[in-house]
N, C-alpha and C. Protein backbone atom coordinates (compact mmCIF):
# COMPACT_ATOMS: atom_id res chain seq x y z
N MET A 1 60.27 0.48 141.99
CA MET A 1 60.09 0.65 140.59
C MET A 1 61.47 0.41 139.93
N ALA A 2 61.48 -0.16 138.77
CA ALA A 2 62.70 -0.40 138.00
C ALA A 2 63.15 0.91 137.39
N SER A 3 64.42 1.17 137.35
CA SER A 3 64.93 2.38 136.84
C SER A 3 65.30 2.18 135.36
N LEU A 4 64.98 3.23 134.59
CA LEU A 4 65.33 3.20 133.13
C LEU A 4 66.45 4.11 132.84
N HIS A 5 67.20 4.50 133.87
CA HIS A 5 68.35 5.41 133.69
C HIS A 5 69.51 4.69 133.08
N ALA A 6 69.51 4.47 131.82
CA ALA A 6 70.67 3.85 131.13
C ALA A 6 71.38 4.93 130.35
N PRO A 7 72.71 4.93 130.42
CA PRO A 7 73.46 5.92 129.65
C PRO A 7 73.06 5.83 128.13
N GLU A 8 72.87 7.04 127.59
CA GLU A 8 72.49 7.10 126.18
C GLU A 8 73.67 7.58 125.41
N PRO A 9 73.95 7.01 124.25
CA PRO A 9 74.98 7.62 123.37
C PRO A 9 74.43 8.90 122.75
N GLY A 10 75.39 9.84 122.47
CA GLY A 10 75.00 11.04 121.81
C GLY A 10 74.70 12.20 122.70
N PRO A 11 74.16 13.28 122.16
CA PRO A 11 74.05 14.50 122.92
C PRO A 11 72.75 14.64 123.74
N ALA A 12 71.93 13.61 123.81
CA ALA A 12 70.64 13.72 124.52
C ALA A 12 70.93 14.05 126.04
N SER A 13 70.47 15.22 126.34
CA SER A 13 70.77 15.68 127.75
C SER A 13 69.54 16.40 128.32
N ALA A 14 68.41 16.07 127.83
CA ALA A 14 67.19 16.71 128.38
C ALA A 14 66.11 15.61 128.48
N VAL A 15 65.15 15.89 129.43
CA VAL A 15 64.07 14.92 129.58
C VAL A 15 62.77 15.75 129.42
N LEU A 16 61.73 15.08 129.00
CA LEU A 16 60.41 15.62 128.88
C LEU A 16 59.65 15.13 130.09
N ALA A 17 59.13 16.00 130.92
CA ALA A 17 58.34 15.65 132.08
C ALA A 17 56.91 16.02 131.85
N VAL A 18 55.99 15.10 132.30
CA VAL A 18 54.57 15.40 132.12
C VAL A 18 53.81 15.13 133.38
N ASP A 19 53.10 16.12 133.83
CA ASP A 19 52.21 16.01 135.03
C ASP A 19 50.87 15.70 134.47
N PRO A 20 50.35 14.42 134.50
CA PRO A 20 49.09 14.12 133.89
C PRO A 20 47.89 14.58 134.63
N GLY A 21 46.87 14.87 133.87
CA GLY A 21 45.56 15.30 134.47
C GLY A 21 44.45 14.82 133.55
N SER A 22 43.20 14.88 134.02
CA SER A 22 42.14 14.40 133.21
C SER A 22 41.79 15.36 132.19
N SER A 23 41.98 16.66 132.36
CA SER A 23 41.62 17.60 131.31
C SER A 23 42.87 18.40 130.78
N LYS A 24 43.90 18.51 131.58
CA LYS A 24 45.11 19.25 131.14
C LYS A 24 46.27 18.58 131.76
N CYS A 25 47.46 18.81 131.15
CA CYS A 25 48.68 18.25 131.56
C CYS A 25 49.78 19.37 131.56
N GLY A 26 50.59 19.35 132.63
CA GLY A 26 51.75 20.21 132.69
C GLY A 26 52.86 19.52 131.96
N VAL A 27 53.63 20.26 131.20
CA VAL A 27 54.74 19.72 130.34
C VAL A 27 55.94 20.62 130.56
N ALA A 28 57.11 19.91 130.67
CA ALA A 28 58.38 20.67 130.77
C ALA A 28 59.47 19.88 130.22
N VAL A 29 60.45 20.57 129.51
CA VAL A 29 61.69 19.94 129.07
C VAL A 29 62.77 20.62 129.96
N VAL A 30 63.52 19.75 130.66
CA VAL A 30 64.58 20.21 131.58
C VAL A 30 65.86 19.44 131.19
N ASP A 31 66.94 20.23 131.05
CA ASP A 31 68.20 19.58 130.73
C ASP A 31 68.96 19.12 131.98
N SER A 32 70.11 18.51 131.76
CA SER A 32 70.91 17.95 132.86
C SER A 32 71.48 18.98 133.73
N ALA A 33 71.57 20.24 133.36
CA ALA A 33 72.06 21.32 134.17
C ALA A 33 70.97 21.94 134.99
N GLY A 34 69.71 21.48 134.79
CA GLY A 34 68.58 22.02 135.55
C GLY A 34 67.87 23.18 134.81
N ARG A 35 68.36 23.49 133.68
CA ARG A 35 67.66 24.58 132.87
C ARG A 35 66.38 24.12 132.26
N VAL A 36 65.37 24.96 132.35
CA VAL A 36 64.09 24.71 131.76
C VAL A 36 64.09 25.17 130.32
N LEU A 37 63.98 24.24 129.35
CA LEU A 37 64.07 24.60 127.97
C LEU A 37 62.64 24.91 127.42
N PHE A 38 61.61 24.32 128.03
CA PHE A 38 60.27 24.55 127.68
C PHE A 38 59.38 24.22 128.85
N ARG A 39 58.30 24.97 129.01
CA ARG A 39 57.25 24.60 130.00
C ARG A 39 55.96 25.14 129.52
N GLY A 40 54.86 24.40 129.73
CA GLY A 40 53.55 24.87 129.35
C GLY A 40 52.53 23.93 129.94
N ILE A 41 51.30 24.28 129.62
CA ILE A 41 50.10 23.49 130.03
C ILE A 41 49.36 23.26 128.70
N THR A 42 48.95 22.00 128.49
CA THR A 42 48.23 21.63 127.30
C THR A 42 47.06 20.73 127.60
N PRO A 43 46.07 20.78 126.79
CA PRO A 43 44.90 19.86 126.99
C PRO A 43 45.41 18.43 126.94
N THR A 44 44.86 17.52 127.74
CA THR A 44 45.28 16.16 127.73
C THR A 44 45.15 15.50 126.33
N SER A 45 44.14 15.92 125.64
CA SER A 45 44.00 15.31 124.28
C SER A 45 45.20 15.75 123.35
N ARG A 46 45.92 16.77 123.65
CA ARG A 46 46.99 17.18 122.78
C ARG A 46 48.40 16.83 123.31
N VAL A 47 48.44 16.23 124.49
CA VAL A 47 49.74 16.00 125.15
C VAL A 47 50.67 15.07 124.28
N ALA A 48 50.11 14.05 123.62
CA ALA A 48 50.92 13.12 122.81
C ALA A 48 51.55 13.86 121.58
N ALA A 49 50.73 14.68 120.92
CA ALA A 49 51.25 15.43 119.76
C ALA A 49 52.33 16.41 120.23
N LEU A 50 52.16 17.06 121.32
CA LEU A 50 53.15 17.99 121.89
C LEU A 50 54.43 17.24 122.25
N ALA A 51 54.29 16.06 122.85
CA ALA A 51 55.44 15.28 123.18
C ALA A 51 56.24 14.88 122.00
N ALA A 52 55.56 14.49 120.92
CA ALA A 52 56.25 14.09 119.71
C ALA A 52 56.97 15.28 119.06
N GLU A 53 56.34 16.49 119.15
CA GLU A 53 56.96 17.77 118.63
C GLU A 53 58.15 18.10 119.49
N LEU A 54 58.07 18.03 120.77
CA LEU A 54 59.21 18.41 121.64
C LEU A 54 60.35 17.41 121.55
N ALA A 55 59.99 16.06 121.31
CA ALA A 55 61.07 15.07 121.16
C ALA A 55 61.84 15.38 119.85
N GLY A 56 61.16 15.87 118.83
CA GLY A 56 61.87 16.20 117.58
C GLY A 56 62.71 17.49 117.73
N ARG A 57 62.37 18.39 118.58
CA ARG A 57 62.99 19.61 118.77
C ARG A 57 64.21 19.57 119.70
N HIS A 58 64.08 18.75 120.72
CA HIS A 58 65.10 18.65 121.75
C HIS A 58 65.60 17.21 121.77
N GLY A 59 66.87 17.03 121.96
CA GLY A 59 67.44 15.70 122.08
C GLY A 59 67.09 15.05 123.41
N LEU A 60 65.93 14.42 123.42
CA LEU A 60 65.43 13.83 124.70
C LEU A 60 66.06 12.55 125.10
N ARG A 61 66.42 12.41 126.33
CA ARG A 61 66.93 11.20 126.86
C ARG A 61 65.89 10.25 127.37
N ALA A 62 64.75 10.78 127.79
CA ALA A 62 63.65 9.99 128.36
C ALA A 62 62.41 10.90 128.50
N VAL A 63 61.29 10.22 128.73
CA VAL A 63 60.02 10.90 129.07
C VAL A 63 59.78 10.46 130.52
N VAL A 64 59.46 11.48 131.33
CA VAL A 64 59.23 11.28 132.74
C VAL A 64 57.71 11.61 132.97
N LEU A 65 56.98 10.70 133.58
CA LEU A 65 55.53 10.86 133.83
C LEU A 65 55.26 10.77 135.31
N GLY A 66 54.46 11.75 135.77
CA GLY A 66 53.97 11.65 137.17
C GLY A 66 53.11 10.48 137.31
N GLY A 67 53.26 9.75 138.41
CA GLY A 67 52.55 8.52 138.58
C GLY A 67 51.21 8.64 139.37
N GLY A 68 50.60 9.82 139.35
CA GLY A 68 49.39 10.01 140.06
C GLY A 68 48.17 9.30 139.46
N THR A 69 47.08 9.46 140.13
CA THR A 69 45.81 8.80 139.69
C THR A 69 45.47 9.33 138.23
N GLY A 70 45.03 8.40 137.41
CA GLY A 70 44.64 8.78 136.04
C GLY A 70 45.84 8.92 135.11
N SER A 71 47.03 8.46 135.51
CA SER A 71 48.23 8.58 134.54
C SER A 71 48.18 7.49 133.46
N GLY A 72 47.35 6.46 133.64
CA GLY A 72 47.34 5.36 132.63
C GLY A 72 47.03 5.79 131.24
N PRO A 73 45.98 6.53 130.95
CA PRO A 73 45.65 6.95 129.61
C PRO A 73 46.72 7.85 129.00
N VAL A 74 47.35 8.74 129.83
CA VAL A 74 48.39 9.61 129.35
C VAL A 74 49.61 8.78 128.98
N ARG A 75 49.92 7.80 129.81
CA ARG A 75 51.07 6.94 129.62
C ARG A 75 50.92 6.21 128.27
N ARG A 76 49.73 5.63 128.05
CA ARG A 76 49.53 4.92 126.78
C ARG A 76 49.70 5.86 125.55
N ALA A 77 49.17 7.08 125.67
CA ALA A 77 49.27 8.06 124.57
C ALA A 77 50.73 8.43 124.36
N LEU A 78 51.52 8.62 125.47
CA LEU A 78 52.91 9.01 125.30
C LEU A 78 53.74 7.84 124.71
N GLU A 79 53.44 6.62 125.14
CA GLU A 79 54.17 5.49 124.60
C GLU A 79 54.00 5.38 123.09
N ALA A 80 52.81 5.65 122.62
CA ALA A 80 52.56 5.60 121.16
C ALA A 80 53.23 6.78 120.49
N ALA A 81 53.26 7.91 121.11
CA ALA A 81 53.82 9.14 120.44
C ALA A 81 55.29 9.17 120.37
N VAL A 82 55.93 8.62 121.34
CA VAL A 82 57.43 8.63 121.38
C VAL A 82 57.90 7.21 121.49
N ALA A 83 57.45 6.35 120.65
CA ALA A 83 57.79 4.94 120.74
C ALA A 83 59.29 4.74 120.65
N GLY A 84 59.80 3.88 121.52
CA GLY A 84 61.20 3.58 121.52
C GLY A 84 62.00 4.42 122.53
N MET A 85 61.39 5.46 123.03
CA MET A 85 62.09 6.31 124.02
C MET A 85 61.75 5.82 125.39
N PRO A 86 62.68 5.74 126.27
CA PRO A 86 62.39 5.26 127.67
C PRO A 86 61.33 6.20 128.30
N LEU A 87 60.37 5.58 128.96
CA LEU A 87 59.31 6.27 129.73
C LEU A 87 59.38 5.82 131.16
N GLU A 88 59.61 6.73 132.03
CA GLU A 88 59.73 6.34 133.48
C GLU A 88 58.69 7.07 134.30
N VAL A 89 58.04 6.37 135.22
CA VAL A 89 57.07 6.97 136.10
C VAL A 89 57.77 7.40 137.35
N VAL A 90 57.51 8.68 137.81
CA VAL A 90 58.11 9.29 138.97
C VAL A 90 57.01 9.57 140.02
N ASP A 91 57.35 9.37 141.20
CA ASP A 91 56.42 9.57 142.34
C ASP A 91 56.00 11.07 142.35
N GLU A 92 54.74 11.35 142.43
CA GLU A 92 54.24 12.72 142.48
C GLU A 92 53.99 13.19 143.88
N GLU A 93 54.41 12.45 144.87
CA GLU A 93 54.10 12.88 146.29
C GLU A 93 54.63 14.27 146.58
N HIS A 94 53.77 15.14 147.04
CA HIS A 94 54.08 16.54 147.45
C HIS A 94 54.53 17.38 146.32
N THR A 95 54.36 17.03 145.09
CA THR A 95 54.79 17.92 143.93
C THR A 95 53.92 19.14 143.86
N SER A 96 52.65 18.96 144.14
CA SER A 96 51.76 20.10 144.04
C SER A 96 52.11 21.19 145.04
N GLU A 97 52.38 20.73 146.31
CA GLU A 97 52.83 21.73 147.32
C GLU A 97 54.18 22.34 146.97
N ALA A 98 55.12 21.63 146.42
CA ALA A 98 56.39 22.15 146.00
C ALA A 98 56.19 23.17 144.88
N ALA A 99 55.33 22.83 143.91
CA ALA A 99 55.10 23.76 142.77
C ALA A 99 54.37 24.99 143.20
N ARG A 100 53.50 24.84 144.15
CA ARG A 100 52.88 26.09 144.66
C ARG A 100 53.85 26.98 145.41
N ALA A 101 54.74 26.42 146.17
CA ALA A 101 55.82 27.23 146.79
C ALA A 101 56.69 27.83 145.74
N LEU A 102 57.04 27.09 144.70
CA LEU A 102 57.86 27.66 143.61
C LEU A 102 57.11 28.81 142.90
N TRP A 103 55.86 28.58 142.62
CA TRP A 103 54.99 29.65 141.98
C TRP A 103 55.00 30.89 142.89
N SER A 104 54.93 30.74 144.18
CA SER A 104 54.94 31.93 145.04
C SER A 104 56.29 32.62 145.05
N ARG A 105 57.41 31.89 144.90
CA ARG A 105 58.66 32.60 144.85
C ARG A 105 58.86 33.32 143.51
N LEU A 106 58.31 32.74 142.43
CA LEU A 106 58.37 33.34 141.06
C LEU A 106 57.45 34.45 140.87
N ASN A 107 56.42 34.53 141.75
CA ASN A 107 55.35 35.60 141.63
C ASN A 107 55.14 36.22 142.95
N PRO A 108 56.11 37.02 143.45
CA PRO A 108 55.94 37.59 144.77
C PRO A 108 54.73 38.58 144.79
N PRO A 109 54.04 38.61 145.96
CA PRO A 109 52.87 39.47 146.03
C PRO A 109 53.20 40.91 145.86
N ARG A 110 52.27 41.67 145.29
CA ARG A 110 52.44 43.11 145.13
C ARG A 110 51.23 43.85 145.75
N GLY A 111 51.47 45.08 146.05
CA GLY A 111 50.34 45.89 146.62
C GLY A 111 49.81 45.29 147.91
N TRP A 112 48.47 45.32 148.03
CA TRP A 112 47.86 44.88 149.28
C TRP A 112 48.03 43.35 149.54
N ARG A 113 48.30 42.63 148.49
CA ARG A 113 48.50 41.15 148.59
C ARG A 113 49.71 40.84 149.49
N ARG A 114 50.68 41.75 149.66
CA ARG A 114 51.80 41.56 150.52
C ARG A 114 51.40 41.43 151.94
N LEU A 115 50.17 41.94 152.30
CA LEU A 115 49.73 41.93 153.66
C LEU A 115 49.14 40.53 154.02
N LEU A 116 48.75 39.73 153.03
CA LEU A 116 48.15 38.45 153.28
C LEU A 116 49.30 37.46 153.79
N PRO A 117 48.85 36.61 154.73
CA PRO A 117 49.78 35.53 155.12
C PRO A 117 50.07 34.59 153.98
N ALA A 118 51.21 34.06 153.90
CA ALA A 118 51.65 33.18 152.76
C ALA A 118 50.61 32.11 152.53
N GLY A 119 50.07 31.49 153.58
CA GLY A 119 49.12 30.39 153.47
C GLY A 119 47.83 30.75 152.75
N LEU A 120 47.51 32.11 152.77
CA LEU A 120 46.28 32.57 152.14
C LEU A 120 46.48 33.08 150.70
N ARG A 121 47.68 33.09 150.20
CA ARG A 121 47.95 33.55 148.88
C ARG A 121 47.73 32.34 147.92
N VAL A 122 46.80 32.52 147.03
CA VAL A 122 46.41 31.46 146.11
C VAL A 122 46.87 31.83 144.68
N PRO A 123 47.56 30.96 143.96
CA PRO A 123 47.92 31.23 142.58
C PRO A 123 46.71 31.63 141.76
N ASP A 124 46.94 32.61 140.79
CA ASP A 124 45.79 33.10 140.03
C ASP A 124 45.80 32.38 138.64
N CYS A 125 46.62 31.35 138.52
CA CYS A 125 46.57 30.55 137.21
C CYS A 125 47.07 29.17 137.57
N PRO A 126 46.80 28.22 136.70
CA PRO A 126 47.29 26.83 136.91
C PRO A 126 48.79 26.81 136.93
N TYR A 127 49.30 25.89 137.67
CA TYR A 127 50.81 25.71 137.74
C TYR A 127 51.24 24.31 137.50
N ASP A 128 50.49 23.62 136.67
CA ASP A 128 50.82 22.22 136.37
C ASP A 128 52.18 22.15 135.67
N ASP A 129 52.55 23.15 134.91
CA ASP A 129 53.92 23.13 134.26
C ASP A 129 55.01 23.13 135.28
N LEU A 130 54.80 23.80 136.45
CA LEU A 130 55.83 23.83 137.48
C LEU A 130 55.91 22.48 138.16
N VAL A 131 54.81 21.74 138.26
CA VAL A 131 54.80 20.37 138.74
C VAL A 131 55.65 19.52 137.81
N ALA A 132 55.54 19.68 136.53
CA ALA A 132 56.34 18.90 135.54
C ALA A 132 57.82 19.25 135.70
N VAL A 133 58.14 20.50 135.96
CA VAL A 133 59.58 20.86 136.23
C VAL A 133 60.12 20.12 137.40
N ILE A 134 59.30 20.03 138.48
CA ILE A 134 59.74 19.31 139.68
C ILE A 134 59.90 17.84 139.45
N LEU A 135 59.08 17.27 138.61
CA LEU A 135 59.11 15.89 138.29
C LEU A 135 60.46 15.62 137.53
N ALA A 136 60.77 16.52 136.57
CA ALA A 136 62.04 16.38 135.86
C ALA A 136 63.25 16.51 136.81
N GLN A 137 63.14 17.42 137.73
CA GLN A 137 64.27 17.62 138.65
C GLN A 137 64.48 16.34 139.57
N ARG A 138 63.29 15.80 139.93
CA ARG A 138 63.44 14.51 140.72
C ARG A 138 64.09 13.44 139.91
N TRP A 139 63.74 13.37 138.66
CA TRP A 139 64.34 12.31 137.78
C TRP A 139 65.80 12.57 137.67
N TRP A 140 66.25 13.77 137.38
CA TRP A 140 67.71 14.03 137.24
C TRP A 140 68.40 13.78 138.53
N ALA A 141 67.79 14.12 139.72
CA ALA A 141 68.45 13.91 141.02
C ALA A 141 68.69 12.44 141.27
N ALA A 142 67.84 11.56 140.67
CA ALA A 142 68.01 10.10 140.84
C ALA A 142 68.87 9.53 139.74
N ALA A 143 69.21 10.28 138.74
CA ALA A 143 70.05 9.79 137.61
C ALA A 143 71.43 9.42 138.11
N PRO A 144 72.07 8.37 137.59
CA PRO A 144 73.37 8.05 138.02
C PRO A 144 74.47 8.90 137.54
N GLY A 145 75.57 8.92 138.18
CA GLY A 145 76.82 9.58 137.70
C GLY A 145 76.66 11.10 137.70
N ASP A 146 77.17 11.64 136.61
CA ASP A 146 77.25 13.12 136.47
C ASP A 146 76.04 13.67 135.88
N ALA A 147 74.88 12.96 135.81
CA ALA A 147 73.76 13.50 135.09
C ALA A 147 72.89 14.37 135.98
N SER A 148 73.09 14.48 137.32
CA SER A 148 72.28 15.30 138.09
C SER A 148 72.55 16.77 137.88
N PRO A 149 71.51 17.65 138.06
CA PRO A 149 71.75 19.07 137.85
C PRO A 149 72.84 19.66 138.69
N ALA A 150 73.32 20.76 138.27
CA ALA A 150 74.37 21.47 139.07
C ALA A 150 73.78 21.94 140.40
N PRO A 151 74.69 22.06 141.43
CA PRO A 151 74.20 22.50 142.72
C PRO A 151 73.46 23.87 142.53
N GLY A 152 72.31 23.99 143.28
CA GLY A 152 71.57 25.22 143.18
C GLY A 152 70.56 25.20 142.08
N ALA A 153 70.58 24.25 141.27
CA ALA A 153 69.55 24.18 140.11
C ALA A 153 68.23 23.76 140.61
N GLN A 154 68.19 22.99 141.75
CA GLN A 154 66.93 22.51 142.29
C GLN A 154 66.54 23.30 143.49
N PRO A 155 65.47 24.12 143.40
CA PRO A 155 65.10 24.86 144.59
C PRO A 155 64.55 23.97 145.66
N ASP A 156 64.73 24.30 146.91
CA ASP A 156 64.18 23.53 148.07
C ASP A 156 62.85 24.27 148.40
N PRO A 157 61.68 23.61 148.20
CA PRO A 157 60.48 24.27 148.48
C PRO A 157 60.26 24.68 149.96
N ARG A 158 61.03 24.03 150.82
CA ARG A 158 60.91 24.39 152.28
C ARG A 158 61.74 25.53 152.65
N ASN A 159 62.66 25.96 151.72
CA ASN A 159 63.53 27.08 152.03
C ASN A 159 63.23 28.25 151.05
N PRO A 160 62.57 29.29 151.52
CA PRO A 160 62.20 30.36 150.72
C PRO A 160 63.39 31.18 150.19
N ASP A 161 64.59 30.93 150.77
CA ASP A 161 65.76 31.70 150.28
C ASP A 161 66.47 31.01 149.14
N SER A 162 66.04 29.74 148.82
CA SER A 162 66.74 29.02 147.75
C SER A 162 66.31 29.65 146.42
N PRO A 163 67.31 29.67 145.49
CA PRO A 163 67.01 30.32 144.22
C PRO A 163 66.07 29.49 143.33
N PRO A 164 65.15 30.12 142.62
CA PRO A 164 64.31 29.40 141.69
C PRO A 164 65.14 28.91 140.53
N PRO A 165 64.71 27.83 139.81
CA PRO A 165 65.42 27.40 138.64
C PRO A 165 65.31 28.35 137.53
N ASP A 166 66.10 28.27 136.53
CA ASP A 166 66.16 29.08 135.46
C ASP A 166 64.88 28.74 134.56
N LEU A 167 63.79 29.52 134.85
CA LEU A 167 62.54 29.23 134.21
C LEU A 167 62.26 30.22 133.05
N LEU A 168 61.85 29.68 131.96
CA LEU A 168 61.50 30.50 130.83
C LEU A 168 60.02 30.84 130.88
N PRO A 169 59.53 31.82 130.19
CA PRO A 169 58.12 32.08 130.16
C PRO A 169 57.42 30.91 129.48
N ARG A 170 56.15 30.74 129.76
CA ARG A 170 55.38 29.67 129.07
C ARG A 170 55.25 30.04 127.64
N TYR A 171 55.13 29.00 126.82
CA TYR A 171 54.98 29.11 125.42
C TYR A 171 53.56 29.00 125.03
């Protein structure tokens, strides 16, 4: 895939990442230091309007889209909503597993659920927004020069001792 990582003039230091789905999309705005400025889940029919709103609120450098099955309609909607902004497709391989591991670290089991093996613990809510955070982190990790997040900003889903990113509550 061709890279759209071109240096941008001005203060743009965040990307909007979208995990596309047929009925809902995970959305996150992550800055170059790895801080999550926004994360949420929105109906697919509203993702373009939300993208335009977030582009106006945050100085976005690019839009990052997960390249999974069904990303075509979301891509077309985003291209229309944020015309002129670079849109880059990022590989979604293993992002759901990484997001589930991140969800588990952010939501440690309580009570009797602590007795369940980790493989049997199932998230009690959608975590598409965490997939979007991981997509943004992958984009920043591939960005040239000093644009990648600070060390420790990206949790390693295979290492349960790695710190979670600075995540805000959902909006």
